[in-house]
């Protein structure tokens, strides 16, 4: 019974790390979103903070792309590297399986 509690707490701690990566509804407050439109209404023309014309966006992208210097990317020579993450994962799985087998053995021994 005690092992079930420890295993449940371990799974709870591991799953809590996944939710910590996503801000969710209580996370960062949303700011104004930029809308891209083809035409503007009179009210949008007077208050143009969150609205941008599609033509303006296209011209800004064109200006940005023209100012960028094109660099030739050379393929780096890939060397075979020791993938330790795979071995760490395999070791953890083997340790977990060993622990589960040990728990079954102890349970059978008690019976």
C-alpha atoms as a PDB file:
ATOM      1  CA  UNK A   1       0.000   0.000   0.000  1.00  0.00           C
ATOM      2  CA  UNK A   2       2.841   2.348   0.853  1.00  0.00           C
ATOM      3  CA  UNK A   3       4.417   1.764  -2.557  1.00  0.00           C
ATOM      4  CA  UNK A   4       1.175   2.745  -4.287  1.00  0.00           C
ATOM      5  CA  UNK A   5       1.202   6.060  -2.451  1.00  0.00           C
ATOM      6  CA  UNK A   6       4.842   6.739  -3.346  1.00  0.00           C
ATOM      7  CA  UNK A   7       4.261   5.768  -6.980  1.00  0.00           C
ATOM      8  CA  UNK A   8       1.164   8.001  -7.140  1.00  0.00           C
ATOM      9  CA  UNK A   9       3.092  10.946  -5.687  1.00  0.00           C
ATOM     10  CA  UNK A  10       5.912  10.376  -8.178  1.00  0.00           C
ATOM     11  CA  UNK A  11       3.487  10.389 -11.113  1.00  0.00           C
ATOM     12  CA  UNK A  12       1.770  13.490  -9.730  1.00  0.00           C
ATOM     13  CA  UNK A  13       5.074  15.384  -9.482  1.00  0.00           C
ATOM     14  CA  UNK A  14       6.081  14.355 -12.995  1.00  0.00           C
ATOM     15  CA  UNK A  15       2.726  15.367 -14.480  1.00  0.00           C
ATOM     16  CA  UNK A  16       2.797  18.724 -12.644  1.00  0.00           C
ATOM     17  CA  UNK A  17       5.932  19.627 -14.593  1.00  0.00           C
ATOM     18  CA  UNK A  18       3.987  19.347 -17.838  1.00  0.00           C
ATOM     19  CA  UNK A  19       1.353  21.833 -16.705  1.00  0.00           C
ATOM     20  CA  UNK A  20       4.011  24.269 -15.480  1.00  0.00           C
ATOM     21  CA  UNK A  21       5.280  24.736 -19.039  1.00  0.00           C
ATOM     22  CA  UNK A  22       1.917  25.990 -20.360  1.00  0.00           C
ATOM     23  CA  UNK A  23       0.651  29.288 -18.904  1.00  0.00           C
ATOM     24  CA  UNK A  24      -3.046  28.374 -19.303  1.00  0.00           C
ATOM     25  CA  UNK A  25      -5.906  30.701 -18.345  1.00  0.00           C
ATOM     26  CA  UNK A  26      -4.262  31.904 -15.139  1.00  0.00           C
ATOM     27  CA  UNK A  27      -0.913  32.571 -16.818  1.00  0.00           C
ATOM     28  CA  UNK A  28       0.268  35.739 -18.468  1.00  0.00           C
ATOM     29  CA  UNK A  29      -2.417  38.305 -19.289  1.00  0.00           C
ATOM     30  CA  UNK A  30      -3.300  38.630 -22.954  1.00  0.00           C
ATOM     31  CA  UNK A  31      -2.240  41.796 -24.727  1.00  0.00           C
ATOM     32  CA  UNK A  32      -3.922  43.363 -27.731  1.00  0.00           C
ATOM     33  CA  UNK A  33      -3.724  41.188 -30.811  1.00  0.00           C
ATOM     34  CA  UNK A  34      -2.834  42.604 -34.211  1.00  0.00           C
ATOM     35  CA  UNK A  35      -5.497  42.073 -36.829  1.00  0.00           C
ATOM     36  CA  UNK A  36      -4.650  42.081 -40.519  1.00  0.00           C
ATOM     37  CA  UNK A  37      -7.453  43.483 -42.652  1.00  0.00           C
ATOM     38  CA  UNK A  38      -8.014  44.591 -46.247  1.00  0.00           C
ATOM     39  CA  UNK A  39      -9.983  47.773 -45.439  1.00  0.00           C
ATOM     40  CA  UNK A  40     -10.434  50.006 -42.389  1.00  0.00           C
ATOM     41  CA  UNK A  41     -13.636  51.406 -40.902  1.00  0.00           C
ATOM     42  CA  UNK A  42     -13.828  55.037 -39.776  1.00  0.00           C
ATOM     43  CA  UNK A  43     -13.369  54.049 -36.138  1.00  0.00           C
ATOM     44  CA  UNK A  44     -10.354  51.840 -36.960  1.00  0.00           C
ATOM     45  CA  UNK A  45      -8.782  54.686 -38.946  1.00  0.00           C
ATOM     46  CA  UNK A  46      -8.995  56.981 -35.918  1.00  0.00           C
ATOM     47  CA  UNK A  47      -7.667  54.341 -33.487  1.00  0.00           C
ATOM     48  CA  UNK A  48      -5.145  52.256 -35.440  1.00  0.00           C
ATOM     49  CA  UNK A  49      -3.162  50.620 -32.631  1.00  0.00           C
ATOM     50  CA  UNK A  50      -4.280  46.981 -33.043  1.00  0.00           C
ATOM     51  CA  UNK A  51      -5.114  47.100 -36.784  1.00  0.00           C
ATOM     52  CA  UNK A  52      -2.762  46.992 -39.769  1.00  0.00           C
ATOM     53  CA  UNK A  53      -3.608  46.921 -43.464  1.00  0.00           C
ATOM     54  CA  UNK A  54      -2.641  43.828 -45.429  1.00  0.00           C
ATOM     55  CA  UNK A  55      -0.920  46.028 -48.016  1.00  0.00           C
ATOM     56  CA  UNK A  56       1.127  47.704 -45.262  1.00  0.00           C
ATOM     57  CA  UNK A  57       2.166  44.326 -43.903  1.00  0.00           C
ATOM     58  CA  UNK A  58       3.176  43.104 -47.357  1.00  0.00           C
ATOM     59  CA  UNK A  59       5.257  46.230 -47.964  1.00  0.00           C
ATOM     60  CA  UNK A  60       6.949  45.911 -44.550  1.00  0.00           C
ATOM     61  CA  UNK A  61       7.794  42.264 -45.270  1.00  0.00           C
ATOM     62  CA  UNK A  62       9.159  43.252 -48.682  1.00  0.00           C
ATOM     63  CA  UNK A  63      11.351  45.979 -47.157  1.00  0.00           C
ATOM     64  CA  UNK A  64      12.615  43.608 -44.485  1.00  0.00           C
ATOM     65  CA  UNK A  65      13.464  40.882 -46.985  1.00  0.00           C
ATOM     66  CA  UNK A  66      15.266  43.372 -49.259  1.00  0.00           C
ATOM     67  CA  UNK A  67      17.436  44.627 -46.402  1.00  0.00           C
ATOM     68  CA  UNK A  68      18.540  41.139 -45.373  1.00  0.00           C
ATOM     69  CA  UNK A  69      21.814  39.813 -46.745  1.00  0.00           C
ATOM     70  CA  UNK A  70      21.452  36.341 -48.161  1.00  0.00           C
ATOM     71  CA  UNK A  71      24.057  34.031 -46.701  1.00  0.00           C
ATOM     72  CA  UNK A  72      25.030  30.718 -48.190  1.00  0.00           C
ATOM     73  CA  UNK A  73      24.541  28.030 -45.614  1.00  0.00           C
ATOM     74  CA  UNK A  74      27.105  25.275 -45.740  1.00  0.00           C
ATOM     75  CA  UNK A  75      26.140  21.839 -44.511  1.00  0.00           C
ATOM     76  CA  UNK A  76      28.170  21.053 -41.414  1.00  0.00           C
ATOM     77  CA  UNK A  77      29.932  17.723 -41.298  1.00  0.00           C
ATOM     78  CA  UNK A  78      27.944  15.540 -38.965  1.00  0.00           C
ATOM     79  CA  UNK A  79      29.979  13.445 -36.625  1.00  0.00           C
ATOM     80  CA  UNK A  80      28.546  10.447 -34.890  1.00  0.00           C
ATOM     81  CA  UNK A  81      27.910  11.446 -31.324  1.00  0.00           C
ATOM     82  CA  UNK A  82      27.219   9.374 -28.260  1.00  0.00           C
ATOM     83  CA  UNK A  83      23.489   9.606 -27.639  1.00  0.00           C
ATOM     84  CA  UNK A  84      23.419   9.482 -23.864  1.00  0.00           C
ATOM     85  CA  UNK A  85      19.733  10.421 -23.594  1.00  0.00           C
ATOM     86  CA  UNK A  86      18.721   7.090 -25.093  1.00  0.00           C
ATOM     87  CA  UNK A  87      20.883   5.184 -22.637  1.00  0.00           C
ATOM     88  CA  UNK A  88      19.595   7.206 -19.682  1.00  0.00           C
ATOM     89  CA  UNK A  89      15.997   6.510 -20.735  1.00  0.00           C
ATOM     90  CA  UNK A  90      16.738   2.798 -21.152  1.00  0.00           C
ATOM     91  CA  UNK A  91      18.389   2.716 -17.724  1.00  0.00           C
ATOM     92  CA  UNK A  92      15.399   4.387 -16.100  1.00  0.00           C
ATOM     93  CA  UNK A  93      13.001   1.952 -17.755  1.00  0.00           C
ATOM     94  CA  UNK A  94      15.098  -1.032 -16.632  1.00  0.00           C
ATOM     95  CA  UNK A  95      15.274   0.369 -13.086  1.00  0.00           C
ATOM     96  CA  UNK A  96      11.502   0.905 -13.032  1.00  0.00           C
ATOM     97  CA  UNK A  97      10.857  -2.617 -14.305  1.00  0.00           C
ATOM     98  CA  UNK A  98      13.251  -4.010 -11.707  1.00  0.00           C
ATOM     99  CA  UNK A  99      11.444  -2.106  -8.975  1.00  0.00           C
ATOM    100  CA  UNK A 100       8.060  -3.434 -10.145  1.00  0.00           C
ATOM    101  CA  UNK A 101       9.391  -7.016 -10.253  1.00  0.00           C
ATOM    102  CA  UNK A 102      10.829  -6.549  -6.756  1.00  0.00           C
ATOM    103  CA  UNK A 103       7.438  -5.310  -5.504  1.00  0.00           C
ATOM    104  CA  UNK A 104       5.709  -8.378  -6.963  1.00  0.00           C
ATOM    105  CA  UNK A 105       8.338 -10.645  -5.399  1.00  0.00           C
ATOM    106  CA  UNK A 106       7.866  -9.036  -1.966  1.00  0.00           C
ATOM    107  CA  UNK A 107       4.088  -9.348  -2.303  1.00  0.00           C
ATOM    108  CA  UNK A 108       4.323 -13.032  -3.218  1.00  0.00           C
ATOM    109  CA  UNK A 109       6.810 -13.612  -0.401  1.00  0.00           C
ATOM    110  CA  UNK A 110       4.349 -12.106   2.126  1.00  0.00           C
ATOM    111  CA  UNK A 111       1.550 -14.371   0.905  1.00  0.00           C
END
